[in-house]
PDB file of N, CA and C in Angstrom:
ATOM      1  N   MET A   1      32.199 -21.380  73.774  1.00  0.00           N
ATOM      2  CA  MET A   1      31.424 -20.949  72.785  1.00  0.00           C
ATOM      3  C   MET A   1      31.811 -19.567  72.276  1.00  0.00           C
ATOM      4  N   ARG A   2      32.042 -18.609  73.102  1.00  0.00           N
ATOM      5  CA  ARG A   2      32.510 -17.282  72.672  1.00  0.00           C
ATOM      6  C   ARG A   2      33.839 -17.266  71.976  1.00  0.00           C
ATOM      7  N   PHE A   3      34.692 -18.071  72.427  1.00  0.00           N
ATOM      8  CA  PHE A   3      36.038 -18.206  71.777  1.00  0.00           C
ATOM      9  C   PHE A   3      35.826 -18.770  70.433  1.00  0.00           C
ATOM     10  N   ALA A   4      34.933 -19.712  70.081  1.00  0.00           N
ATOM     11  CA  ALA A   4      34.773 -20.298  68.768  1.00  0.00           C
ATOM     12  C   ALA A   4      34.080 -19.315  67.900  1.00  0.00           C
ATOM     13  N   ALA A   5      33.126 -18.477  68.389  1.00  0.00           N
ATOM     14  CA  ALA A   5      32.566 -17.312  67.519  1.00  0.00           C
ATOM     15  C   ALA A   5      33.578 -16.453  67.225  1.00  0.00           C
ATOM     16  N   THR A   6      34.425 -15.948  68.147  1.00  0.00           N
ATOM     17  CA  THR A   6      35.325 -14.953  67.821  1.00  0.00           C
ATOM     18  C   THR A   6      36.461 -15.544  66.874  1.00  0.00           C
ATOM     19  N   PHE A   7      36.743 -16.682  66.876  1.00  0.00           N
ATOM     20  CA  PHE A   7      37.677 -17.350  66.121  1.00  0.00           C
ATOM     21  C   PHE A   7      37.248 -17.447  64.627  1.00  0.00           C
ATOM     22  N   THR A   8      35.943 -17.803  64.487  1.00  0.00           N
ATOM     23  CA  THR A   8      35.253 -17.824  63.208  1.00  0.00           C
ATOM     24  C   THR A   8      35.311 -16.605  62.662  1.00  0.00           C
ATOM     25  N   ILE A   9      34.800 -15.483  63.288  1.00  0.00           N
ATOM     26  CA  ILE A   9      34.889 -14.059  62.717  1.00  0.00           C
ATOM     27  C   ILE A   9      36.214 -13.591  62.286  1.00  0.00           C
ATOM     28  N   LEU A  10      37.212 -13.949  63.070  1.00  0.00           N
ATOM     29  CA  LEU A  10      38.657 -13.530  62.741  1.00  0.00           C
ATOM     30  C   LEU A  10      39.058 -14.292  61.565  1.00  0.00           C
ATOM     31  N   ALA A  11      38.697 -15.577  61.466  1.00  0.00           N
ATOM     32  CA  ALA A  11      39.158 -16.429  60.297  1.00  0.00           C
ATOM     33  C   ALA A  11      38.453 -15.947  59.033  1.00  0.00           C
ATOM     34  N   LEU A  12      37.250 -15.531  59.092  1.00  0.00           N
ATOM     35  CA  LEU A  12      36.531 -14.951  57.845  1.00  0.00           C
ATOM     36  C   LEU A  12      37.062 -13.582  57.567  1.00  0.00           C
ATOM     37  N   ALA A  13      37.457 -12.818  58.513  1.00  0.00           N
ATOM     38  CA  ALA A  13      37.892 -11.491  58.173  1.00  0.00           C
ATOM     39  C   ALA A  13      39.297 -11.446  57.563  1.00  0.00           C
ATOM     40  N   PHE A  14      40.130 -12.384  57.763  1.00  0.00           N
ATOM     41  CA  PHE A  14      41.536 -12.477  57.302  1.00  0.00           C
ATOM     42  C   PHE A  14      41.646 -13.548  56.156  1.00  0.00           C
ATOM     43  N   ALA A  15      40.445 -14.170  55.894  1.00  0.00           N
ATOM     44  CA  ALA A  15      40.473 -15.109  54.680  1.00  0.00           C
ATOM     45  C   ALA A  15      40.792 -14.402  53.408  1.00  0.00           C
ATOM     46  N   PRO A  16      41.588 -14.942  52.506  1.00  0.00           N
ATOM     47  CA  PRO A  16      41.846 -14.277  51.277  1.00  0.00           C
ATOM     48  C   PRO A  16      40.537 -14.155  50.354  1.00  0.00           C
ATOM     49  N   LEU A  17      40.357 -13.148  49.847  1.00  0.00           N
ATOM     50  CA  LEU A  17      39.185 -12.957  48.870  1.00  0.00           C
ATOM     51  C   LEU A  17      39.585 -13.365  47.582  1.00  0.00           C
ATOM     52  N   PRO A  18      38.509 -14.087  46.706  1.00  0.00           N
ATOM     53  CA  PRO A  18      38.943 -14.433  45.496  1.00  0.00           C
ATOM     54  C   PRO A  18      39.143 -13.088  44.530  1.00  0.00           C
ATOM     55  N   ALA A  19      40.144 -13.254  43.613  1.00  0.00           N
ATOM     56  CA  ALA A  19      40.371 -12.216  42.671  1.00  0.00           C
ATOM     57  C   ALA A  19      39.288 -12.148  41.545  1.00  0.00           C
ATOM     58  N   LEU A  20      38.485 -11.070  41.563  1.00  0.00           N
ATOM     59  CA  LEU A  20      37.497 -11.003  40.541  1.00  0.00           C
ATOM     60  C   LEU A  20      37.885 -10.096  39.509  1.00  0.00           C
ATOM     61  N   ALA A  21      38.008 -10.520  38.295  1.00  0.00           N
ATOM     62  CA  ALA A  21      38.413  -9.813  37.187  1.00  0.00           C
ATOM     63  C   ALA A  21      37.140  -9.137  36.498  1.00  0.00           C
ATOM     64  N   SER A  22      37.182  -7.969  36.239  1.00  0.00           N
ATOM     65  CA  SER A  22      36.006  -7.319  35.578  1.00  0.00           C
ATOM     66  C   SER A  22      35.899  -7.722  34.129  1.00  0.00           C
ATOM     67  N   SER A  23      34.829  -7.449  33.482  1.00  0.00           N
ATOM     68  CA  SER A  23      34.740  -7.830  32.121  1.00  0.00           C
ATOM     69  C   SER A  23      35.642  -6.969  31.329  1.00  0.00           C
ATOM     70  N   CYS A  24      35.861  -5.683  31.780  1.00  0.00           N
ATOM     71  CA  CYS A  24      36.646  -4.702  31.094  1.00  0.00           C
ATOM     72  C   CYS A  24      38.112  -5.228  31.116  1.00  0.00           C
ATOM     73  N   ALA A  25      38.471  -5.650  32.368  1.00  0.00           N
ATOM     74  CA  ALA A  25      39.894  -6.193  32.550  1.00  0.00           C
ATOM     75  C   ALA A  25      40.133  -7.395  31.617  1.00  0.00           C
ATOM     76  N   GLU A  26      39.195  -8.266  31.434  1.00  0.00           N
ATOM     77  CA  GLU A  26      39.365  -9.381  30.468  1.00  0.00           C
ATOM     78  C   GLU A  26      39.466  -8.868  29.049  1.00  0.00           C
ATOM     79  N   GLN A  27      38.625  -7.799  28.599  1.00  0.00           N
ATOM     80  CA  GLN A  27      38.832  -7.247  27.322  1.00  0.00           C
ATOM     81  C   GLN A  27      40.089  -6.574  27.105  1.00  0.00           C
ATOM     82  N   ILE A  28      40.668  -5.992  28.153  1.00  0.00           N
ATOM     83  CA  ILE A  28      41.941  -5.327  28.021  1.00  0.00           C
ATOM     84  C   ILE A  28      43.043  -6.392  27.812  1.00  0.00           C
ATOM     85  N   GLY A  29      43.017  -7.551  28.522  1.00  0.00           N
ATOM     86  CA  GLY A  29      43.844  -8.542  28.401  1.00  0.00           C
ATOM     87  C   GLY A  29      43.866  -9.171  26.962  1.00  0.00           C
ATOM     88  N   THR A  30      42.601  -9.264  26.525  1.00  0.00           N
ATOM     89  CA  THR A  30      42.336  -9.943  25.052  1.00  0.00           C
ATOM     90  C   THR A  30      42.990  -9.055  24.025  1.00  0.00           C
ATOM     91  N   ILE A  31      42.740  -7.666  24.154  1.00  0.00           N
ATOM     92  CA  ILE A  31      43.326  -6.909  23.140  1.00  0.00           C
ATOM     93  C   ILE A  31      44.709  -6.650  23.164  1.00  0.00           C
ATOM     94  N   GLU A  32      45.245  -6.727  24.442  1.00  0.00           N
ATOM     95  CA  GLU A  32      46.810  -6.623  24.628  1.00  0.00           C
ATOM     96  C   GLU A  32      47.424  -7.803  23.895  1.00  0.00           C
ATOM     97  N   ARG A  33      46.817  -8.972  24.033  1.00  0.00           N
ATOM     98  CA  ARG A  33      47.397 -10.197  23.384  1.00  0.00           C
ATOM     99  C   ARG A  33      47.157  -9.998  21.853  1.00  0.00           C
ATOM    100  N   ARG A  34      46.130  -9.527  21.476  1.00  0.00           N
ATOM    101  CA  ARG A  34      45.881  -9.227  20.060  1.00  0.00           C
ATOM    102  C   ARG A  34      46.912  -8.331  19.417  1.00  0.00           C
ATOM    103  N   LEU A  35      47.242  -7.315  20.262  1.00  0.00           N
ATOM    104  CA  LEU A  35      48.261  -6.394  19.780  1.00  0.00           C
ATOM    105  C   LEU A  35      49.725  -6.935  19.681  1.00  0.00           C
ATOM    106  N   ASP A  36      49.892  -8.098  20.285  1.00  0.00           N
ATOM    107  CA  ASP A  36      51.191  -8.695  20.312  1.00  0.00           C
ATOM    108  C   ASP A  36      51.201  -9.955  19.330  1.00  0.00           C
ATOM    109  N   SER A  37      50.132 -10.016  18.452  1.00  0.00           N
ATOM    110  CA  SER A  37      49.969 -11.028  17.607  1.00  0.00           C
ATOM    111  C   SER A  37      50.920 -10.740  16.307  1.00  0.00           C
ATOM    112  N   ALA A  38      51.035 -11.895  15.457  1.00  0.00           N
ATOM    113  CA  ALA A  38      51.816 -11.693  14.252  1.00  0.00           C
ATOM    114  C   ALA A  38      51.128 -10.645  13.344  1.00  0.00           C
ATOM    115  N   GLY A  39      49.824 -10.594  13.234  1.00  0.00           N
ATOM    116  CA  GLY A  39      49.157  -9.651  12.433  1.00  0.00           C
ATOM    117  C   GLY A  39      49.501  -8.228  12.802  1.00  0.00           C
ATOM    118  N   ALA A  40      49.562  -7.971  14.183  1.00  0.00           N
ATOM    119  CA  ALA A  40      49.930  -6.543  14.619  1.00  0.00           C
ATOM    120  C   ALA A  40      51.271  -6.194  14.415  1.00  0.00           C
ATOM    121  N   VAL A  41      52.123  -7.163  14.540  1.00  0.00           N
ATOM    122  CA  VAL A  41      53.513  -7.003  14.398  1.00  0.00           C
ATOM    123  C   VAL A  41      53.748  -6.765  12.830  1.00  0.00           C
ATOM    124  N   GLU A  42      52.990  -7.407  11.999  1.00  0.00           N
ATOM    125  CA  GLU A  42      53.152  -7.063  10.558  1.00  0.00           C
ATOM    126  C   GLU A  42      52.927  -5.702  10.175  1.00  0.00           C
ATOM    127  N   ILE A  43      51.855  -5.116  11.008  1.00  0.00           N
ATOM    128  CA  ILE A  43      51.522  -3.689  10.682  1.00  0.00           C
ATOM    129  C   ILE A  43      52.585  -2.731  11.382  1.00  0.00           C
ATOM    130  N   THR A  44      52.832  -2.925  12.652  1.00  0.00           N
ATOM    131  CA  THR A  44      53.657  -1.892  13.397  1.00  0.00           C
ATOM    132  C   THR A  44      55.063  -2.347  13.726  1.00  0.00           C
ATOM    133  N   GLY A  45      55.384  -3.569  13.433  1.00  0.00           N
ATOM    134  CA  GLY A  45      56.795  -4.066  13.832  1.00  0.00           C
ATOM    135  C   GLY A  45      56.644  -4.528  15.403  1.00  0.00           C
ATOM    136  N   LEU A  46      57.660  -5.171  15.858  1.00  0.00           N
ATOM    137  CA  LEU A  46      57.669  -5.534  17.285  1.00  0.00           C
ATOM    138  C   LEU A  46      58.006  -4.365  18.116  1.00  0.00           C
ATOM    139  N   GLN A  47      57.123  -4.064  19.022  1.00  0.00           N
ATOM    140  CA  GLN A  47      57.261  -2.855  19.901  1.00  0.00           C
ATOM    141  C   GLN A  47      58.116  -3.183  21.082  1.00  0.00           C
ATOM    142  N   PRO A  48      59.009  -2.281  21.475  1.00  0.00           N
ATOM    143  CA  PRO A  48      59.863  -2.509  22.628  1.00  0.00           C
ATOM    144  C   PRO A  48      59.041  -2.886  23.771  1.00  0.00           C
ATOM    145  N   GLY A  49      59.482  -3.873  24.447  1.00  0.00           N
ATOM    146  CA  GLY A  49      58.918  -4.302  25.720  1.00  0.00           C
ATOM    147  C   GLY A  49      57.866  -5.392  25.542  1.00  0.00           C
ATOM    148  N   HIS A  50      57.522  -5.714  24.317  1.00  0.00           N
ATOM    149  CA  HIS A  50      56.449  -6.617  23.885  1.00  0.00           C
ATOM    150  C   HIS A  50      57.186  -7.914  23.282  1.00  0.00           C
ATOM    151  N   SER A  51      56.424  -8.930  23.356  1.00  0.00           N
ATOM    152  CA  SER A  51      56.905 -10.258  22.759  1.00  0.00           C
ATOM    153  C   SER A  51      55.760 -10.657  21.820  1.00  0.00           C
ATOM    154  N   LEU A  52      56.214 -11.428  20.731  1.00  0.00           N
ATOM    155  CA  LEU A  52      55.174 -11.957  19.829  1.00  0.00           C
ATOM    156  C   LEU A  52      54.517 -13.148  20.464  1.00  0.00           C
ATOM    157  N   GLN A  53      53.260 -13.005  20.403  1.00  0.00           N
ATOM    158  CA  GLN A  53      52.334 -14.210  20.934  1.00  0.00           C
ATOM    159  C   GLN A  53      52.098 -15.201  19.834  1.00  0.00           C
ATOM    160  N   THR A  54      52.383 -16.453  19.987  1.00  0.00           N
ATOM    161  CA  THR A  54      52.167 -17.443  18.843  1.00  0.00           C
ATOM    162  C   THR A  54      51.646 -18.670  19.560  1.00  0.00           C
ATOM    163  N   GLY A  55      51.017 -19.458  18.730  1.00  0.00           N
ATOM    164  CA  GLY A  55      50.527 -20.795  19.191  1.00  0.00           C
ATOM    165  C   GLY A  55      49.149 -20.699  19.898  1.00  0.00           C
ATOM    166  N   SER A  56      48.338 -19.747  19.701  1.00  0.00           N
ATOM    167  CA  SER A  56      47.057 -19.819  20.259  1.00  0.00           C
ATOM    168  C   SER A  56      46.153 -20.880  19.567  1.00  0.00           C
ATOM    169  N   PRO A  57      45.498 -21.615  20.488  1.00  0.00           N
ATOM    170  CA  PRO A  57      44.564 -22.680  19.897  1.00  0.00           C
ATOM    171  C   PRO A  57      43.488 -22.123  19.097  1.00  0.00           C
ATOM    172  N   ARG A  58      43.056 -20.791  19.195  1.00  0.00           N
ATOM    173  CA  ARG A  58      41.947 -20.103  18.553  1.00  0.00           C
ATOM    174  C   ARG A  58      42.552 -19.317  17.370  1.00  0.00           C
ATOM    175  N   SER A  59      43.758 -19.466  17.090  1.00  0.00           N
ATOM    176  CA  SER A  59      44.355 -18.514  16.039  1.00  0.00           C
ATOM    177  C   SER A  59      43.972 -18.887  14.632  1.00  0.00           C
ATOM    178  N   VAL A  60      43.935 -17.974  13.701  1.00  0.00           N
ATOM    179  CA  VAL A  60      43.546 -18.282  12.376  1.00  0.00           C
ATOM    180  C   VAL A  60      44.736 -19.055  11.755  1.00  0.00           C
ATOM    181  N   GLN A  61      44.468 -20.080  10.886  1.00  0.00           N
ATOM    182  CA  GLN A  61      45.534 -20.964  10.515  1.00  0.00           C
ATOM    183  C   GLN A  61      46.165 -20.419   9.184  1.00  0.00           C
ATOM    184  N   GLY A  62      45.572 -19.468   8.471  1.00  0.00           N
ATOM    185  CA  GLY A  62      46.187 -18.888   7.235  1.00  0.00           C
ATOM    186  C   GLY A  62      46.060 -17.449   7.409  1.00  0.00           C
ATOM    187  N   ALA A  63      46.994 -16.765   6.628  1.00  0.00           N
ATOM    188  CA  ALA A  63      46.939 -15.268   6.652  1.00  0.00           C
ATOM    189  C   ALA A  63      45.864 -14.837   5.668  1.00  0.00           C
ATOM    190  N   ARG A  64      45.361 -13.732   6.016  1.00  0.00           N
ATOM    191  CA  ARG A  64      44.245 -13.090   5.119  1.00  0.00           C
ATOM    192  C   ARG A  64      45.080 -12.438   3.911  1.00  0.00           C
ATOM    193  N   LEU A  65      44.487 -12.734   2.668  1.00  0.00           N
ATOM    194  CA  LEU A  65      45.228 -12.411   1.526  1.00  0.00           C
ATOM    195  C   LEU A  65      44.544 -11.055   0.921  1.00  0.00           C
ATOM    196  N   ASN A  66      43.395 -10.888   1.255  1.00  0.00           N
ATOM    197  CA  ASN A  66      42.669  -9.598   0.718  1.00  0.00           C
ATOM    198  C   ASN A  66      42.438  -8.662   1.655  1.00  0.00           C
ATOM    199  N   ALA A  67      42.168  -7.303   1.399  1.00  0.00           N
ATOM    200  CA  ALA A  67      41.858  -6.285   2.317  1.00  0.00           C
ATOM    201  C   ALA A  67      40.569  -6.444   2.960  1.00  0.00           C
ATOM    202  N   PRO A  68      40.337  -5.831   4.213  1.00  0.00           N
ATOM    203  CA  PRO A  68      38.965  -5.911   4.634  1.00  0.00           C
ATOM    204  C   PRO A  68      37.910  -5.170   3.624  1.00  0.00           C
ATOM    205  N   SER A  69      36.660  -5.687   3.769  1.00  0.00           N
ATOM    206  CA  SER A  69      35.649  -5.226   2.805  1.00  0.00           C
ATOM    207  C   SER A  69      35.342  -3.652   3.243  1.00  0.00           C
ATOM    208  N   ASP A  70      35.520  -3.321   4.460  1.00  0.00           N
ATOM    209  CA  ASP A  70      35.235  -1.894   4.846  1.00  0.00           C
ATOM    210  C   ASP A  70      36.716  -1.258   4.927  1.00  0.00           C
ATOM    211  N   PRO A  71      36.889  -0.330   3.989  1.00  0.00           N
ATOM    212  CA  PRO A  71      38.142   0.426   3.955  1.00  0.00           C
ATOM    213  C   PRO A  71      38.547   1.154   5.246  1.00  0.00           C
ATOM    214  N   ASN A  72      37.406   1.536   6.054  1.00  0.00           N
ATOM    215  CA  ASN A  72      37.841   2.192   7.309  1.00  0.00           C
ATOM    216  C   ASN A  72      38.342   1.179   8.399  1.00  0.00           C
ATOM    217  N   MET A  73      38.341  -0.078   8.171  1.00  0.00           N
ATOM    218  CA  MET A  73      38.816  -1.063   9.075  1.00  0.00           C
ATOM    219  C   MET A  73      40.094  -1.530   8.758  1.00  0.00           C
ATOM    220  N   VAL A  74      40.953  -0.873   7.764  1.00  0.00           N
ATOM    221  CA  VAL A  74      42.287  -1.215   7.455  1.00  0.00           C
ATOM    222  C   VAL A  74      43.105  -0.656   8.701  1.00  0.00           C
ATOM    223  N   SER A  75      43.889  -1.707   9.183  1.00  0.00           N
ATOM    224  CA  SER A  75      44.888  -1.392  10.263  1.00  0.00           C
ATOM    225  C   SER A  75      46.013  -0.594   9.799  1.00  0.00           C
ATOM    226  N   THR A  76      46.400   0.414  10.713  1.00  0.00           N
ATOM    227  CA  THR A  76      47.529   1.277  10.487  1.00  0.00           C
ATOM    228  C   THR A  76      48.405   1.248  11.686  1.00  0.00           C
ATOM    229  N   ALA A  77      49.632   1.593  11.561  1.00  0.00           N
ATOM    230  CA  ALA A  77      50.495   1.565  12.722  1.00  0.00           C
ATOM    231  C   ALA A  77      50.091   2.900  13.629  1.00  0.00           C
ATOM    232  N   ASP A  78      49.636   4.022  13.036  1.00  0.00           N
ATOM    233  CA  ASP A  78      49.110   5.056  13.846  1.00  0.00           C
ATOM    234  C   ASP A  78      47.790   4.563  14.672  1.00  0.00           C
ATOM    235  N   GLY A  79      46.932   3.914  14.057  1.00  0.00           N
ATOM    236  CA  GLY A  79      45.808   3.403  14.807  1.00  0.00           C
ATOM    237  C   GLY A  79      46.117   2.490  15.854  1.00  0.00           C
ATOM    238  N   VAL A  80      47.103   1.528  15.632  1.00  0.00           N
ATOM    239  CA  VAL A  80      47.486   0.684  16.699  1.00  0.00           C
ATOM    240  C   VAL A  80      48.158   1.403  17.795  1.00  0.00           C
ATOM    241  N   ALA A  81      48.936   2.435  17.570  1.00  0.00           N
ATOM    242  CA  ALA A  81      49.535   3.169  18.570  1.00  0.00           C
ATOM    243  C   ALA A  81      48.578   3.990  19.465  1.00  0.00           C
ATOM    244  N   ALA A  82      47.635   4.469  18.717  1.00  0.00           N
ATOM    245  CA  ALA A  82      46.419   5.146  19.478  1.00  0.00           C
ATOM    246  C   ALA A  82      45.743   4.156  20.368  1.00  0.00           C
ATOM    247  N   ALA A  83      45.519   3.011  19.854  1.00  0.00           N
ATOM    248  CA  ALA A  83      44.802   2.026  20.591  1.00  0.00           C
ATOM    249  C   ALA A  83      45.527   1.697  21.836  1.00  0.00           C
ATOM    250  N   ARG A  84      46.798   1.544  21.811  1.00  0.00           N
ATOM    251  CA  ARG A  84      47.632   1.215  22.934  1.00  0.00           C
ATOM    252  C   ARG A  84      47.557   2.369  23.939  1.00  0.00           C
ATOM    253  N   ALA A  85      47.573   3.583  23.571  1.00  0.00           N
ATOM    254  CA  ALA A  85      47.274   4.607  24.566  1.00  0.00           C
ATOM    255  C   ALA A  85      45.848   4.437  25.128  1.00  0.00           C
ATOM    256  N   LEU A  86      44.882   4.138  24.356  1.00  0.00           N
ATOM    257  CA  LEU A  86      43.651   4.051  24.975  1.00  0.00           C
ATOM    258  C   LEU A  86      43.436   2.845  25.820  1.00  0.00           C
ATOM    259  N   ILE A  87      44.119   1.838  25.615  1.00  0.00           N
ATOM    260  CA  ILE A  87      44.241   0.651  26.438  1.00  0.00           C
ATOM    261  C   ILE A  87      44.789   0.993  27.888  1.00  0.00           C
ATOM    262  N   ILE A  88      45.804   1.899  27.817  1.00  0.00           N
ATOM    263  CA  ILE A  88      46.352   2.343  29.156  1.00  0.00           C
ATOM    264  C   ILE A  88      45.285   3.251  29.986  1.00  0.00           C
ATOM    265  N   ARG A  89      44.575   4.061  29.217  1.00  0.00           N
ATOM    266  CA  ARG A  89      43.542   4.833  29.824  1.00  0.00           C
ATOM    267  C   ARG A  89      42.410   3.962  30.341  1.00  0.00           C
ATOM    268  N   ALA A  90      42.055   2.853  29.585  1.00  0.00           N
ATOM    269  CA  ALA A  90      40.893   1.931  30.018  1.00  0.00           C
ATOM    270  C   ALA A  90      41.388   1.088  31.260  1.00  0.00           C
ATOM    271  N   ALA A  91      42.650   0.771  31.300  1.00  0.00           N
ATOM    272  CA  ALA A  91      43.200  -0.021  32.468  1.00  0.00           C
ATOM    273  C   ALA A  91      43.032   0.870  33.772  1.00  0.00           C
ATOM    274  N   ASP A  92      43.340   2.165  33.623  1.00  0.00           N
ATOM    275  CA  ASP A  92      43.252   3.255  34.680  1.00  0.00           C
ATOM    276  C   ASP A  92      41.807   3.230  35.149  1.00  0.00           C
ATOM    277  N   GLU A  93      40.873   3.471  34.091  1.00  0.00           N
ATOM    278  CA  GLU A  93      39.435   3.587  34.452  1.00  0.00           C
ATOM    279  C   GLU A  93      38.925   2.267  35.158  1.00  0.00           C
ATOM    280  N   ASP A  94      39.477   1.109  34.677  1.00  0.00           N
ATOM    281  CA  ASP A  94      39.005  -0.102  35.316  1.00  0.00           C
ATOM    282  C   ASP A  94      39.528  -0.110  36.728  1.00  0.00           C
ATOM    283  N   HIS A  95      40.648   0.291  36.940  1.00  0.00           N
ATOM    284  CA  HIS A  95      41.343   0.338  38.261  1.00  0.00           C
ATOM    285  C   HIS A  95      40.468   1.251  39.230  1.00  0.00           C
ATOM    286  N   ARG A  96      40.010   2.319  38.794  1.00  0.00           N
ATOM    287  CA  ARG A  96      39.225   3.243  39.533  1.00  0.00           C
ATOM    288  C   ARG A  96      37.749   2.688  39.816  1.00  0.00           C
ATOM    289  N   GLY A  97      37.447   1.657  39.156  1.00  0.00           N
ATOM    290  CA  GLY A  97      36.035   1.111  39.141  1.00  0.00           C
ATOM    291  C   GLY A  97      34.967   1.749  38.253  1.00  0.00           C
ATOM    292  N   ASP A  98      35.432   2.530  37.243  1.00  0.00           N
ATOM    293  CA  ASP A  98      34.495   3.323  36.364  1.00  0.00           C
ATOM    294  C   ASP A  98      34.251   2.273  35.090  1.00  0.00           C
ATOM    295  N   LYS A  99      33.577   1.267  35.328  1.00  0.00           N
ATOM    296  CA  LYS A  99      33.241   0.268  34.332  1.00  0.00           C
ATOM    297  C   LYS A  99      32.787   0.853  32.976  1.00  0.00           C
ATOM    298  N   ARG A 100      31.825   1.778  33.056  1.00  0.00           N
ATOM    299  CA  ARG A 100      31.203   2.269  31.808  1.00  0.00           C
ATOM    300  C   ARG A 100      32.237   3.009  30.979  1.00  0.00           C
ATOM    301  N   ALA A 101      33.058   3.857  31.759  1.00  0.00           N
ATOM    302  CA  ALA A 101      34.182   4.604  30.960  1.00  0.00           C
ATOM    303  C   ALA A 101      35.112   3.590  30.298  1.00  0.00           C
ATOM    304  N   CYS A 102      35.566   2.513  31.074  1.00  0.00           N
ATOM    305  CA  CYS A 102      36.411   1.485  30.586  1.00  0.00           C
ATOM    306  C   CYS A 102      35.930   0.885  29.309  1.00  0.00           C
ATOM    307  N   GLU A 103      34.601   0.366  29.328  1.00  0.00           N
ATOM    308  CA  GLU A 103      34.081  -0.192  28.273  1.00  0.00           C
ATOM    309  C   GLU A 103      33.822   0.647  27.053  1.00  0.00           C
ATOM    310  N   ASN A 104      33.607   2.061  27.302  1.00  0.00           N
ATOM    311  CA  ASN A 104      33.600   2.964  26.102  1.00  0.00           C
ATOM    312  C   ASN A 104      34.854   3.125  25.437  1.00  0.00           C
ATOM    313  N   THR A 105      36.034   3.160  26.429  1.00  0.00           N
ATOM    314  CA  THR A 105      37.294   3.386  25.898  1.00  0.00           C
ATOM    315  C   THR A 105      37.830   2.200  25.154  1.00  0.00           C
ATOM    316  N   MET A 106      37.384   1.030  25.551  1.00  0.00           N
ATOM    317  CA  MET A 106      37.768  -0.199  25.014  1.00  0.00           C
ATOM    318  C   MET A 106      37.130  -0.267  23.573  1.00  0.00           C
ATOM    319  N   THR A 107      35.863   0.200  23.466  1.00  0.00           N
ATOM    320  CA  THR A 107      35.197   0.194  22.248  1.00  0.00           C
ATOM    321  C   THR A 107      35.901   1.103  21.182  1.00  0.00           C
ATOM    322  N   GLU A 108      36.353   2.201  21.660  1.00  0.00           N
ATOM    323  CA  GLU A 108      37.164   3.076  20.915  1.00  0.00           C
ATOM    324  C   GLU A 108      38.491   2.421  20.609  1.00  0.00           C
ATOM    325  N   ALA A 109      39.127   1.845  21.322  1.00  0.00           N
ATOM    326  CA  ALA A 109      40.315   1.257  21.076  1.00  0.00           C
ATOM    327  C   ALA A 109      40.226   0.166  19.926  1.00  0.00           C
ATOM    328  N   LYS A 110      39.151  -0.651  20.085  1.00  0.00           N
ATOM    329  CA  LYS A 110      38.964  -1.694  19.069  1.00  0.00           C
ATOM    330  C   LYS A 110      38.727  -1.109  17.760  1.00  0.00           C
ATOM    331  N   GLY A 111      38.025   0.078  17.611  1.00  0.00           N
ATOM    332  CA  GLY A 111      37.875   0.673  16.337  1.00  0.00           C
ATOM    333  C   GLY A 111      39.076   1.178  15.798  1.00  0.00           C
ATOM    334  N   MET A 112      40.056   1.716  16.656  1.00  0.00           N
ATOM    335  CA  MET A 112      41.310   2.249  16.226  1.00  0.00           C
ATOM    336  C   MET A 112      42.210   1.087  15.610  1.00  0.00           C
ATOM    337  N   ILE A 113      42.123  -0.149  16.306  1.00  0.00           N
ATOM    338  CA  ILE A 113      42.954  -1.199  15.806  1.00  0.00           C
ATOM    339  C   ILE A 113      42.554  -1.609  14.437  1.00  0.00           C
ATOM    340  N   GLY A 114      41.330  -1.822  14.096  1.00  0.00           N
ATOM    341  CA  GLY A 114      40.846  -2.184  12.803  1.00  0.00           C
ATOM    342  C   GLY A 114      40.971  -3.678  12.578  1.00  0.00           C
ATOM    343  N   ALA A 115      41.054  -4.106  11.476  1.00  0.00           N
ATOM    344  CA  ALA A 115      41.003  -5.627  11.151  1.00  0.00           C
ATOM    345  C   ALA A 115      42.537  -6.023  10.908  1.00  0.00           C
ATOM    346  N   LEU A 116      43.055  -6.505  11.954  1.00  0.00           N
ATOM    347  CA  LEU A 116      44.556  -6.886  11.747  1.00  0.00           C
ATOM    348  C   LEU A 116      44.520  -8.155  10.853  1.00  0.00           C
ATOM    349  N   PRO A 117      45.757  -8.218  10.092  1.00  0.00           N
ATOM    350  CA  PRO A 117      45.861  -9.294   9.176  1.00  0.00           C
ATOM    351  C   PRO A 117      46.143 -10.547  10.047  1.00  0.00           C
TER     352      PRO A 117
END
């Protein structure tokens, strides 16, 4: 009986834990994919070390022909570059477990990206 209890405790102690992604990590992944989209490449060009993401089942089927209704939401290469730096910062904050700071940084990054074509 004692052996069985010890075995059970050891089995639980060394069992692999499920990988839990934080909501911020999911946001980071989503925005990173967005920054490798055809619209982002149209604004910034293909960045070194990145690949163009195509074929998303949720992608827009046609290119937007008109500018965003809010002029502050126009995407620029500088804004996308700043957003990439913020995403690195957000990933570090998420890794440290600072969920609120990560979410705040991601909100800032999304604003810097603007409305990609």
